[in-house]
Amino acid sequence: MRSFLHVYGSEIKGVLSGWDRVRFRGTLRWLANLDGLGTYLWSTKVLLKDFRGWAQSLTERVREATEALAKAAGRPIHYVASSQQRKEDLARDIAAADGVREGLICVLTCVEPCRTFRVGPNAQTNRLELRVLDGKCLHHYFYLQHPRFGLMHLRLQTWLPFTIHVCLNGRSWLAQQLQQKGIAYEQRENCLVDVADLRRAQQLLEGQLRTCWDRLLDGLVQQWHPTHANLFTLPQDYYWSADETEWASDVLFRSPQSLATIYPRLVRHAITSFGCGDVLRFLGRRGSVAQFRAGRVHTSWATRHEGTRVKHQLNRNSLKMYDKQASVLRVETTINDPRDMKVYRTQENAKKKAPTSSKTWQRLRKGVADLHRRAEISQASNERYLEALASVEHAEPLDQTVSALCRPVTWHRRPVRALRPFESDDARLLAAVSRGEFAINGFRNRDLRPILQEESNDPAETKRQAARITRQLRMLRAHGVIQKVPKTHRYVLTDDGRRILTALQAAKQANTQQLTQLAA
């Protein structure tokens, strides 16, 4: 990100990085699977033939409690006929019409798909059995103007297993914090386009990471789903996980004209220059696409009401860039499936078996315990993306950019020949070292060998190939294109090397007409 700020610093007011939308899911783990629910029914002596009536009685208690809450707050309950309708827009309209500044805005009800349970006969055994299936049931949406979090909502499933979702927005939360601190700001929808004290605002965003999420979310359940405490004979606690998180880095430009000038070039560069390996690298994975044969890596472009958006997606996780509210460049990492990522921790239940268990790299969990690590991964993803975008803007002529490469140099008192970037051998070498899979961990001699030369089973030939690549690496180091990672056998591109190779790549992709227009 530092390179991006260095290139466009005169046009930028600052950067705000933190949570955008976060959707939590509360699950009654004992009742969320067939075995667990079957055990609960057996423990409470509920027969399968009575299951429907028992479950219906629980649903009626939940509905009655919702009606009582809305009546006590003097707020309406509206039925929404289509699950595709934007409920947040409807809630905003109701809040504006009724002048609601704090508390419950409304309760919206809608029949939506869900994962639930039914009891039916088994034709083979001639006995009733409990089944889990995809069905539909009524959901209650509690839209709130919360004094701490701003506009947010809770979504409660009114049929077993009574899954609950809590959705809040980090930018609305920040706006509430700024208001309480007396810091002036300008907000449009869920975007802050100007803040009087950006440094303090960033500190507040970072402070959101230190939230005790279990206590906070349990408190919301007690307030808006009060029947949960005595709904079941045996106590049930919600297990909280982060179903979806969006971590946004907002680059605040001084004027819409400043962003409008450079944004089309950023979009073009993102679409034409970033390949599958780059997308893997941005999202913190090794850039070898072969490791993800069953995965889906793609880039898309669309124009939406909030701006022109470029989206790079790896399975269910994605990285987006769009111009928001005309003067904000937003880069946003969305994580729906954290299992592709890693966290350094002890294994679950390891402390019970061995209190001194050592930490290892484990799969990132959806649970809120790993939410801080998810923020670290998302921030690193945004920074890598902005760093890659920094190289698109370079006013220096191509001849001047590459001229130093085309002259012999002396390195460690030994002569080194000039590079010939447009000849086949040197062009292949430069393309190899700039591959996306090498951007995170760098590359070694052995990594370049299968790319640049045919593999051989002859040990002598393999040794000759390695020696040739060693000489080529020495040549690139002498010209300042790459540098050695200390205490390793790996190499990475230098800042100048990345800038030069990006310029060469852009020149190769441009046609004669484009080059003529630029020269004019």
Protein backbone atom coordinates (compact mmCIF):
# COMPACT_ATOMS: atom_id res chain seq x y z
CA MET A 1 0.00 0.00 0.00
CA ARG A 2 2.91 2.35 0.67
CA SER A 3 3.80 2.47 -3.02
CA PHE A 4 0.22 3.40 -3.91
CA LEU A 5 0.21 6.21 -1.34
CA HIS A 6 3.61 7.37 -2.57
CA VAL A 7 2.44 7.58 -6.19
CA TYR A 8 -0.92 9.29 -5.48
CA GLY A 9 -0.16 10.90 -2.12
CA SER A 10 -0.83 14.46 -3.24
CA GLU A 11 -4.40 13.49 -4.25
CA ILE A 12 -5.21 11.43 -1.14
CA LYS A 13 -6.51 12.62 2.23
CA GLY A 14 -5.90 9.31 3.97
CA VAL A 15 -6.93 5.66 4.30
CA LEU A 16 -9.45 3.97 6.61
CA SER A 17 -9.15 0.19 6.99
CA GLY A 18 -11.59 -1.86 9.04
CA TRP A 19 -14.76 -3.92 9.07
CA ASP A 20 -17.46 -3.15 6.59
CA ARG A 21 -20.31 -5.67 6.77
CA VAL A 22 -20.03 -8.55 9.24
CA ARG A 23 -22.68 -11.27 9.47
CA PHE A 24 -22.58 -13.49 12.55
CA ARG A 25 -24.45 -16.76 12.90
CA GLY A 26 -25.67 -18.14 16.19
CA THR A 27 -26.13 -21.92 16.17
CA LEU A 28 -27.62 -24.20 18.82
CA ARG A 29 -25.03 -26.89 18.19
CA TRP A 30 -26.85 -29.60 20.12
CA LEU A 31 -30.01 -29.10 18.07
CA ALA A 32 -28.41 -28.32 14.71
CA ASN A 33 -27.84 -31.94 13.62
CA LEU A 34 -29.84 -35.16 13.54
CA ASP A 35 -27.91 -36.99 16.23
CA GLY A 36 -27.97 -34.04 18.60
CA LEU A 37 -31.66 -33.28 18.15
CA GLY A 38 -32.49 -36.99 18.45
CA THR A 39 -30.59 -37.17 21.73
CA TYR A 40 -32.36 -34.06 23.01
CA LEU A 41 -35.80 -35.48 22.14
CA TRP A 42 -34.91 -38.73 23.91
CA SER A 43 -33.62 -36.83 26.97
CA THR A 44 -36.79 -34.72 27.23
CA LYS A 45 -39.09 -37.67 26.39
CA VAL A 46 -40.60 -36.09 23.27
CA LEU A 47 -41.88 -38.84 20.95
CA LEU A 48 -41.36 -38.55 17.21
CA LYS A 49 -45.13 -38.70 16.66
CA ASP A 50 -45.43 -35.60 18.85
CA PHE A 51 -42.51 -33.78 17.24
CA ARG A 52 -44.53 -31.50 14.98
CA GLY A 53 -46.84 -30.32 17.75
CA TRP A 54 -43.89 -29.78 20.10
CA ALA A 55 -41.92 -27.81 17.50
CA GLN A 56 -45.02 -25.79 16.55
CA SER A 57 -45.53 -24.80 20.18
CA LEU A 58 -41.96 -23.45 20.32
CA THR A 59 -42.56 -21.47 17.12
CA GLU A 60 -45.76 -19.95 18.54
CA ARG A 61 -43.93 -18.82 21.66
CA VAL A 62 -41.27 -17.13 19.51
CA ARG A 63 -43.89 -15.35 17.38
CA GLU A 64 -45.82 -14.17 20.43
CA ALA A 65 -42.63 -12.80 21.99
CA THR A 66 -41.82 -10.89 18.79
CA GLU A 67 -45.30 -9.35 18.70
CA ALA A 68 -44.99 -8.34 22.35
CA LEU A 69 -41.61 -6.68 21.74
CA ALA A 70 -42.90 -4.70 18.76
CA LYS A 71 -46.05 -3.65 20.63
CA ALA A 72 -44.05 -2.53 23.68
CA ALA A 73 -41.77 -0.42 21.46
CA GLY A 74 -44.70 0.93 19.45
CA ARG A 75 -43.17 -0.23 16.19
CA PRO A 76 -44.83 -1.96 13.23
CA ILE A 77 -44.54 -5.52 11.96
CA HIS A 78 -44.54 -5.78 8.16
CA TYR A 79 -44.78 -8.93 6.06
CA VAL A 80 -42.45 -8.92 3.03
CA ALA A 81 -43.83 -11.08 0.23
CA SER A 82 -40.54 -11.65 -1.61
CA SER A 83 -37.21 -12.73 -0.13
CA GLN A 84 -35.50 -10.85 -2.97
CA GLN A 85 -36.70 -7.43 -1.79
CA ARG A 86 -34.03 -5.24 -0.14
CA LYS A 87 -35.25 -5.17 3.45
CA GLU A 88 -32.66 -2.63 4.57
CA ASP A 89 -34.06 -0.06 2.12
CA LEU A 90 -37.54 -0.67 3.49
CA ALA A 91 -36.28 -0.26 7.06
CA ARG A 92 -34.51 3.00 6.15
CA ASP A 93 -37.72 4.35 4.61
CA ILE A 94 -39.71 3.47 7.73
CA ALA A 95 -37.09 5.05 10.01
CA ALA A 96 -37.08 8.25 7.92
CA ALA A 97 -40.89 8.44 7.76
CA ASP A 98 -41.35 7.85 11.50
CA GLY A 99 -38.27 9.79 12.64
CA VAL A 100 -36.73 6.84 14.48
CA ARG A 101 -33.29 7.84 15.81
CA GLU A 102 -32.72 5.04 18.30
CA GLY A 103 -34.14 1.63 19.17
CA LEU A 104 -36.33 -0.73 17.19
CA ILE A 105 -37.27 0.57 13.74
CA CYS A 106 -39.55 -2.28 12.67
CA VAL A 107 -39.90 -6.04 12.46
CA LEU A 108 -40.02 -7.47 8.95
CA THR A 109 -41.27 -11.02 8.46
CA CYS A 110 -40.58 -13.11 5.38
CA VAL A 111 -40.79 -16.77 4.36
CA GLU A 112 -37.28 -17.77 3.28
CA PRO A 113 -35.25 -20.94 2.65
CA CYS A 114 -33.67 -22.57 5.68
CA ARG A 115 -32.17 -25.80 6.99
CA THR A 116 -34.71 -27.50 9.23
CA PHE A 117 -36.16 -30.79 10.51
CA ARG A 118 -39.22 -32.87 9.80
CA VAL A 119 -40.52 -36.27 10.92
CA GLY A 120 -41.73 -38.76 8.31
CA PRO A 121 -42.25 -42.50 7.80
CA ASN A 122 -39.48 -44.79 6.60
CA ALA A 123 -40.96 -47.18 4.02
CA GLN A 124 -38.31 -49.84 4.68
CA THR A 125 -38.52 -49.96 8.46
CA ASN A 126 -42.19 -48.87 8.76
CA ARG A 127 -41.15 -46.50 11.51
CA LEU A 128 -41.05 -42.77 11.93
CA GLU A 129 -37.69 -41.07 11.52
CA LEU A 130 -36.27 -37.61 12.02
CA ARG A 131 -35.02 -35.95 8.84
CA VAL A 132 -32.98 -32.86 8.08
CA LEU A 133 -33.88 -31.09 4.87
CA ASP A 134 -33.84 -27.81 2.96
CA GLY A 135 -37.20 -26.16 3.49
CA LYS A 136 -38.83 -22.80 4.13
CA CYS A 137 -40.11 -21.08 7.23
CA LEU A 138 -40.96 -17.64 8.53
CA HIS A 139 -38.03 -15.44 9.56
CA HIS A 140 -38.18 -12.34 11.75
CA TYR A 141 -35.92 -9.39 10.90
CA PHE A 142 -35.39 -6.96 13.78
CA TYR A 143 -34.06 -3.69 12.32
CA LEU A 144 -32.48 -1.45 14.93
CA GLN A 145 -30.93 1.98 15.17
CA HIS A 146 -28.48 0.83 17.81
CA PRO A 147 -26.82 3.48 20.04
CA ARG A 148 -23.46 1.73 19.63
CA PHE A 149 -23.55 0.10 16.18
CA GLY A 150 -25.91 2.31 14.21
CA LEU A 151 -28.19 0.62 11.69
CA MET A 152 -28.11 -3.17 12.13
CA HIS A 153 -30.45 -6.14 12.16
CA LEU A 154 -31.06 -9.59 13.65
CA ARG A 155 -32.59 -12.39 11.59
CA LEU A 156 -34.34 -15.11 13.62
CA GLN A 157 -35.49 -18.43 12.15
CA THR A 158 -38.84 -19.25 13.76
CA TRP A 159 -38.61 -23.04 13.34
CA LEU A 160 -36.09 -25.51 14.69
CA PRO A 161 -33.13 -25.17 15.06
CA PHE A 162 -33.84 -21.41 15.60
CA THR A 163 -30.64 -20.21 13.94
CA ILE A 164 -30.07 -16.49 14.41
CA HIS A 165 -27.99 -14.08 12.31
CA VAL A 166 -26.69 -10.72 13.49
CA CYS A 167 -25.56 -8.31 10.78
CA LEU A 168 -23.75 -5.08 11.58
CA ASN A 169 -21.59 -2.63 9.68
CA GLY A 170 -18.22 -1.44 10.93
CA ARG A 171 -18.54 1.92 9.14
CA SER A 172 -21.90 2.67 10.81
CA TRP A 173 -20.33 1.62 14.09
CA LEU A 174 -17.44 4.02 13.43
CA ALA A 175 -19.87 6.86 12.68
CA GLN A 176 -21.49 6.33 16.09
CA GLN A 177 -18.06 6.37 17.73
CA LEU A 178 -17.04 9.58 15.95
CA GLN A 179 -20.28 11.24 16.98
CA GLN A 180 -19.72 10.30 20.62
CA LYS A 181 -16.13 11.60 20.46
CA GLY A 182 -17.23 14.88 18.87
CA ILE A 183 -15.19 14.30 15.69
CA ALA A 184 -16.72 15.83 12.56
CA TYR A 185 -17.35 13.51 9.62
CA GLU A 186 -19.38 13.19 6.44
CA GLN A 187 -21.18 9.90 5.81
CA ARG A 188 -22.97 8.73 2.68
CA GLU A 189 -24.73 5.39 3.09
CA ASN A 190 -22.12 3.05 4.66
CA CYS A 191 -19.14 5.10 3.49
CA LEU A 192 -17.27 7.89 5.27
CA VAL A 193 -16.08 10.32 2.61
CA ASP A 194 -14.44 12.78 5.01
CA VAL A 195 -13.28 12.70 8.63
CA ALA A 196 -11.75 15.61 10.52
CA ASP A 197 -9.30 13.35 12.38
CA LEU A 198 -8.39 10.35 10.20
CA ARG A 199 -5.71 9.13 12.59
CA ARG A 200 -8.17 8.91 15.48
CA ALA A 201 -10.80 7.29 13.23
CA GLN A 202 -8.33 4.55 12.26
CA GLN A 203 -7.59 3.92 15.93
CA LEU A 204 -11.31 3.49 16.60
CA LEU A 205 -11.60 1.01 13.72
CA GLU A 206 -8.70 -1.00 15.12
CA GLY A 207 -10.32 -0.87 18.55
CA GLN A 208 -13.35 -2.71 17.14
CA LEU A 209 -11.14 -5.80 16.88
CA ARG A 210 -10.86 -5.95 20.68
CA THR A 211 -14.58 -6.57 21.11
CA CYS A 212 -15.74 -9.51 23.25
CA TRP A 213 -18.05 -10.87 20.58
CA ASP A 214 -19.65 -13.71 22.57
CA ARG A 215 -20.79 -11.40 25.36
CA LEU A 216 -21.97 -8.74 22.91
CA LEU A 217 -23.97 -11.14 20.73
CA ASP A 218 -25.45 -13.00 23.69
CA GLY A 219 -26.64 -9.63 25.02
CA LEU A 220 -28.45 -8.90 21.75
CA VAL A 221 -30.14 -12.31 21.89
CA GLN A 222 -31.33 -11.68 25.45
CA GLN A 223 -32.85 -8.39 24.37
CA TRP A 224 -34.51 -9.37 21.09
CA HIS A 225 -35.06 -13.11 21.51
CA PRO A 226 -36.00 -13.24 25.20
CA THR A 227 -37.87 -16.54 24.98
CA HIS A 228 -34.60 -18.35 24.25
CA ALA A 229 -33.63 -18.41 27.93
CA ASN A 230 -36.59 -20.66 28.85
CA LEU A 231 -37.58 -22.09 25.47
CA PHE A 232 -36.00 -25.50 26.08
CA THR A 233 -36.15 -27.87 29.01
CA LEU A 234 -32.38 -28.36 28.87
CA PRO A 235 -30.26 -25.15 28.59
CA GLN A 236 -28.99 -24.30 25.11
CA ASP A 237 -26.27 -21.73 24.34
CA TYR A 238 -25.62 -20.17 20.98
CA TYR A 239 -22.27 -20.87 19.33
CA TRP A 240 -21.19 -17.76 17.42
CA SER A 241 -19.39 -17.86 14.10
CA ALA A 242 -18.66 -15.27 11.40
CA ASP A 243 -20.67 -16.38 8.38
CA GLU A 244 -19.38 -13.58 6.16
CA THR A 245 -16.93 -10.75 6.74
CA GLU A 246 -16.03 -7.77 4.59
CA TRP A 247 -12.84 -5.87 5.41
CA ALA A 248 -12.54 -2.62 3.47
CA SER A 249 -9.63 -0.25 2.87
CA ASP A 250 -11.08 3.11 1.82
CA VAL A 251 -8.65 5.47 0.08
CA LEU A 252 -10.17 8.93 0.51
CA PHE A 253 -9.36 11.20 -2.45
CA ARG A 254 -9.45 14.98 -2.15
CA SER A 255 -11.94 15.37 -4.99
CA PRO A 256 -14.09 13.23 -7.28
CA GLN A 257 -12.10 14.55 -10.24
CA SER A 258 -8.86 13.12 -8.83
CA LEU A 259 -10.31 9.62 -8.56
CA ALA A 260 -12.17 9.85 -11.88
CA THR A 261 -8.88 10.63 -13.64
CA ILE A 262 -7.03 7.50 -12.55
CA TYR A 263 -9.83 4.99 -11.90
CA PRO A 264 -10.39 3.88 -15.52
CA ARG A 265 -6.68 3.02 -15.77
CA LEU A 266 -6.84 1.06 -12.51
CA VAL A 267 -9.83 -0.92 -13.80
CA ARG A 268 -8.14 -1.66 -17.11
CA HIS A 269 -4.95 -2.75 -15.37
CA ALA A 270 -6.84 -5.00 -12.93
CA ILE A 271 -8.77 -6.73 -15.71
CA THR A 272 -5.99 -7.16 -18.26
CA SER A 273 -2.93 -7.68 -16.07
CA PHE A 274 -4.02 -9.70 -13.03
CA GLY A 275 -4.16 -13.42 -13.79
CA CYS A 276 -5.18 -16.43 -11.71
CA GLY A 277 -1.80 -16.55 -10.01
CA ASP A 278 -2.14 -12.92 -8.96
CA VAL A 279 -5.61 -13.51 -7.50
CA LEU A 280 -4.26 -16.45 -5.48
CA ARG A 281 -1.40 -14.28 -4.28
CA PHE A 282 -3.66 -11.40 -3.27
CA LEU A 283 -5.78 -13.76 -1.16
CA GLY A 284 -2.72 -15.17 0.58
CA ARG A 285 -2.33 -18.46 -1.29
CA ARG A 286 0.56 -19.83 -3.28
CA GLY A 287 0.23 -18.75 -6.86
CA SER A 288 0.32 -22.22 -8.39
CA VAL A 289 -3.03 -22.63 -10.10
CA ALA A 290 -2.37 -26.36 -10.47
CA GLN A 291 -3.01 -26.75 -6.74
CA PHE A 292 -6.57 -25.51 -7.24
CA ARG A 293 -7.81 -27.70 -10.10
CA ALA A 294 -11.11 -28.16 -8.28
CA GLY A 295 -11.28 -24.47 -7.37
CA ARG A 296 -12.75 -21.58 -9.26
CA VAL A 297 -10.62 -18.51 -9.90
CA HIS A 298 -12.06 -15.75 -12.06
CA THR A 299 -12.27 -12.00 -12.52
CA SER A 300 -15.42 -10.07 -13.41
CA TRP A 301 -16.33 -6.47 -14.14
CA ALA A 302 -19.66 -4.71 -13.65
CA THR A 303 -21.15 -1.25 -13.24
CA ARG A 304 -23.42 -0.94 -10.22
CA HIS A 305 -25.22 1.90 -8.46
CA GLU A 306 -22.26 2.41 -6.11
CA GLY A 307 -19.72 2.55 -8.96
CA THR A 308 -17.70 0.44 -11.39
CA ARG A 309 -16.62 -2.74 -9.66
CA VAL A 310 -13.85 -5.23 -10.40
CA LYS A 311 -14.16 -8.53 -8.56
CA HIS A 312 -11.55 -11.28 -8.28
CA GLN A 313 -12.93 -14.50 -6.81
CA LEU A 314 -11.36 -17.68 -5.44
CA ASN A 315 -14.12 -20.17 -4.68
CA ARG A 316 -16.35 -18.39 -2.13
CA ASN A 317 -13.81 -15.72 -1.13
CA SER A 318 -13.27 -12.57 -3.14
CA LEU A 319 -11.38 -9.30 -3.51
CA LYS A 320 -13.21 -6.28 -4.92
CA MET A 321 -12.34 -2.77 -6.01
CA TYR A 322 -14.83 -0.03 -6.80
CA ASP A 323 -15.20 3.74 -6.76
CA LYS A 324 -17.64 4.57 -3.99
CA GLN A 325 -19.49 7.84 -3.54
CA ALA A 326 -17.35 9.35 -6.36
CA SER A 327 -14.34 10.19 -4.16
CA VAL A 328 -13.51 6.94 -2.31
CA LEU A 329 -11.52 4.06 -3.80
CA ARG A 330 -12.59 0.99 -1.86
CA VAL A 331 -10.63 -2.27 -1.89
CA GLU A 332 -12.51 -4.95 -0.01
CA THR A 333 -11.75 -8.56 0.92
CA THR A 334 -14.78 -10.78 1.53
CA ILE A 335 -14.32 -14.10 3.33
CA ASN A 336 -17.18 -16.59 3.26
CA ASP A 337 -15.09 -19.76 3.57
CA PRO A 338 -12.07 -19.35 5.87
CA ARG A 339 -11.00 -23.00 5.58
CA ASP A 340 -8.68 -22.10 2.70
CA MET A 341 -6.67 -19.97 5.15
CA LYS A 342 -4.43 -20.62 8.14
CA VAL A 343 -4.10 -19.48 11.75
CA TYR A 344 -1.24 -20.17 14.17
CA ARG A 345 -2.86 -21.82 17.20
CA THR A 346 -3.11 -24.99 19.24
CA GLN A 347 -5.44 -27.73 18.07
CA GLU A 348 -8.98 -27.70 19.42
CA ASN A 349 -9.27 -29.63 22.71
CA ALA A 350 -5.46 -29.98 22.76
CA LYS A 351 -5.20 -28.05 26.03
CA LYS A 352 -7.47 -30.53 27.74
CA LYS A 353 -5.20 -33.41 26.71
CA ALA A 354 -1.88 -31.59 27.14
CA PRO A 355 -1.83 -28.10 28.74
CA THR A 356 1.58 -27.37 27.19
CA SER A 357 0.59 -28.24 23.62
CA SER A 358 2.56 -26.26 21.07
CA LYS A 359 1.00 -24.09 18.41
CA THR A 360 0.97 -25.08 14.75
CA TRP A 361 -0.58 -23.70 11.57
CA GLN A 362 -4.21 -24.86 11.54
CA ARG A 363 -7.17 -24.16 9.32
CA LEU A 364 -8.87 -20.86 10.04
CA ARG A 365 -12.18 -21.44 11.80
CA LYS A 366 -15.47 -19.64 11.33
CA GLY A 367 -15.76 -19.14 15.08
CA VAL A 368 -15.38 -15.64 16.46
CA ALA A 369 -12.19 -16.77 18.25
CA ASP A 370 -10.34 -16.47 14.91
CA LEU A 371 -11.94 -13.18 13.86
CA HIS A 372 -8.82 -11.18 14.66
CA ARG A 373 -6.73 -13.41 12.37
CA ARG A 374 -9.34 -13.03 9.64
CA ALA A 375 -8.89 -9.26 9.87
CA GLU A 376 -5.10 -9.65 9.52
CA ILE A 377 -5.48 -11.79 6.40
CA SER A 378 -7.99 -9.37 4.86
CA GLN A 379 -5.82 -6.33 5.53
CA ALA A 380 -2.78 -8.04 3.99
CA SER A 381 -4.89 -8.91 0.95
CA ASN A 382 -5.99 -5.30 0.49
CA GLU A 383 -2.43 -4.03 0.86
CA ARG A 384 -1.06 -6.48 -1.72
CA TYR A 385 -3.75 -5.40 -4.15
CA LEU A 386 -3.08 -1.69 -3.74
CA GLU A 387 0.65 -2.34 -4.00
CA ALA A 388 0.08 -4.09 -7.32
CA LEU A 389 -2.11 -1.22 -8.56
CA ALA A 390 0.60 1.32 -7.77
CA SER A 391 2.66 0.25 -10.76
CA VAL A 392 -0.03 1.17 -13.30
CA GLU A 393 0.69 4.89 -13.06
CA HIS A 394 4.13 5.70 -14.38
CA ALA A 395 4.69 8.88 -16.38
CA GLU A 396 8.27 8.09 -17.34
CA PRO A 397 8.70 7.10 -21.03
CA LEU A 398 9.32 3.40 -21.63
CA ASP A 399 12.67 4.12 -23.28
CA GLN A 400 13.85 5.93 -20.18
CA THR A 401 12.46 3.25 -17.87
CA VAL A 402 14.31 0.35 -19.46
CA SER A 403 17.38 2.19 -20.72
CA ALA A 404 19.44 1.29 -17.65
CA LEU A 405 18.75 -2.41 -18.25
CA CYS A 406 20.07 -2.16 -21.78
CA ARG A 407 23.55 -1.03 -20.73
CA PRO A 408 26.38 -3.21 -19.39
CA VAL A 409 27.16 -2.75 -15.70
CA THR A 410 29.87 -3.76 -13.25
CA TRP A 411 28.81 -5.70 -10.19
CA HIS A 412 31.22 -6.85 -7.49
CA ARG A 413 34.10 -5.82 -9.77
CA ARG A 414 32.92 -8.09 -12.56
CA PRO A 415 31.33 -7.02 -15.84
CA VAL A 416 27.69 -7.94 -16.47
CA ARG A 417 26.16 -7.78 -19.93
CA ALA A 418 23.16 -5.66 -20.84
CA LEU A 419 19.67 -7.12 -20.72
CA ARG A 420 17.73 -7.48 -23.97
CA PRO A 421 14.11 -7.36 -22.71
CA PHE A 422 12.49 -7.77 -26.13
CA GLU A 423 14.55 -10.78 -27.24
CA SER A 424 13.12 -14.22 -26.58
CA ASP A 425 15.54 -15.57 -23.95
CA ASP A 426 15.64 -12.47 -21.75
CA ALA A 427 11.91 -11.84 -22.24
CA ARG A 428 11.15 -15.37 -20.97
CA LEU A 429 13.44 -14.81 -17.99
CA LEU A 430 11.75 -11.51 -17.05
CA ALA A 431 8.31 -13.05 -17.48
CA ALA A 432 9.29 -15.99 -15.27
CA VAL A 433 10.53 -13.92 -12.32
CA SER A 434 7.40 -11.71 -12.44
CA ARG A 435 4.94 -14.62 -12.21
CA GLY A 436 2.23 -14.18 -9.57
CA GLU A 437 3.08 -17.35 -7.62
CA PHE A 438 6.48 -15.91 -6.70
CA ALA A 439 5.22 -12.60 -5.31
CA ILE A 440 4.64 -13.81 -1.72
CA ASN A 441 7.48 -16.22 -0.98
CA GLY A 442 9.85 -15.38 -3.84
CA PHE A 443 11.52 -17.94 -6.11
CA ARG A 444 14.58 -20.19 -6.14
CA ASN A 445 16.85 -21.53 -8.83
CA ARG A 446 14.93 -24.80 -8.83
CA ASP A 447 11.61 -22.94 -9.28
CA LEU A 448 12.80 -21.29 -12.51
CA ARG A 449 14.37 -24.41 -13.98
CA PRO A 450 11.14 -26.13 -15.20
CA ILE A 451 9.84 -22.80 -16.54
CA LEU A 452 12.89 -21.81 -18.55
CA GLN A 453 14.36 -25.15 -19.58
CA GLU A 454 13.30 -28.66 -20.38
CA GLU A 455 13.66 -31.08 -17.49
CA SER A 456 16.41 -33.64 -17.84
CA ASN A 457 17.12 -36.93 -16.07
CA ASP A 458 20.84 -36.52 -16.68
CA PRO A 459 22.49 -35.20 -13.47
CA ALA A 460 25.24 -33.48 -15.47
CA GLU A 461 22.70 -31.67 -17.65
CA THR A 462 20.69 -30.66 -14.59
CA LYS A 463 23.84 -29.20 -13.05
CA ARG A 464 24.56 -27.21 -16.22
CA GLN A 465 20.99 -25.86 -16.25
CA ALA A 466 21.26 -24.78 -12.63
CA ALA A 467 24.57 -23.04 -13.33
CA ARG A 468 23.06 -21.13 -16.25
CA ILE A 469 20.12 -19.93 -14.15
CA THR A 470 22.56 -18.88 -11.44
CA ARG A 471 24.31 -16.65 -13.98
CA GLN A 472 20.98 -15.23 -15.10
CA LEU A 473 19.99 -14.46 -11.50
CA ARG A 474 23.33 -12.74 -10.99
CA MET A 475 22.63 -10.61 -14.05
CA LEU A 476 19.20 -9.59 -12.73
CA ARG A 477 20.67 -8.73 -9.34
CA ALA A 478 23.37 -6.62 -10.98
CA HIS A 479 20.70 -4.61 -12.81
CA GLY A 480 18.62 -4.17 -9.64
CA VAL A 481 15.64 -6.17 -10.90
CA ILE A 482 15.70 -8.72 -8.06
CA GLN A 483 17.20 -8.96 -4.60
CA LYS A 484 18.11 -11.90 -2.38
CA VAL A 485 16.02 -12.67 0.69
CA PRO A 486 18.50 -12.71 3.61
CA LYS A 487 19.49 -16.14 4.98
CA THR A 488 17.60 -17.99 2.23
CA HIS A 489 18.10 -19.16 -1.34
CA ARG A 490 15.10 -17.12 -2.48
CA TYR A 491 14.82 -13.96 -4.54
CA VAL A 492 12.09 -11.33 -4.89
CA LEU A 493 11.50 -8.41 -7.22
CA THR A 494 12.70 -5.00 -6.11
CA ASP A 495 10.38 -1.99 -6.30
CA ASP A 496 12.23 -0.80 -9.41
CA GLY A 497 12.08 -4.29 -10.87
CA ARG A 498 8.31 -4.49 -10.39
CA ARG A 499 7.85 -1.06 -11.96
CA ILE A 500 10.03 -1.91 -14.97
CA LEU A 501 8.41 -5.30 -15.59
CA THR A 502 4.92 -3.83 -15.32
CA ALA A 503 5.86 -1.20 -17.91
CA LEU A 504 7.25 -3.88 -20.23
CA GLN A 505 4.14 -6.03 -19.81
CA ALA A 506 1.84 -3.09 -20.58
CA ALA A 507 3.89 -2.20 -23.66
CA LYS A 508 3.69 -5.76 -24.98
CA GLN A 509 -0.09 -5.85 -24.55
CA ALA A 510 -0.70 -2.46 -26.21
CA ASN A 511 -1.36 -2.33 -29.95
CA THR A 512 0.04 0.21 -32.40
CA GLN A 513 -3.04 2.43 -32.28
CA GLN A 514 -2.92 2.66 -28.48
CA LEU A 515 0.79 3.48 -28.47
CA THR A 516 0.28 6.15 -31.14
CA GLN A 517 -2.51 7.79 -29.13
CA LEU A 518 -0.36 7.81 -25.99
CA ALA A 519 2.60 9.28 -27.87
CA ALA A 520 0.39 12.05 -29.21
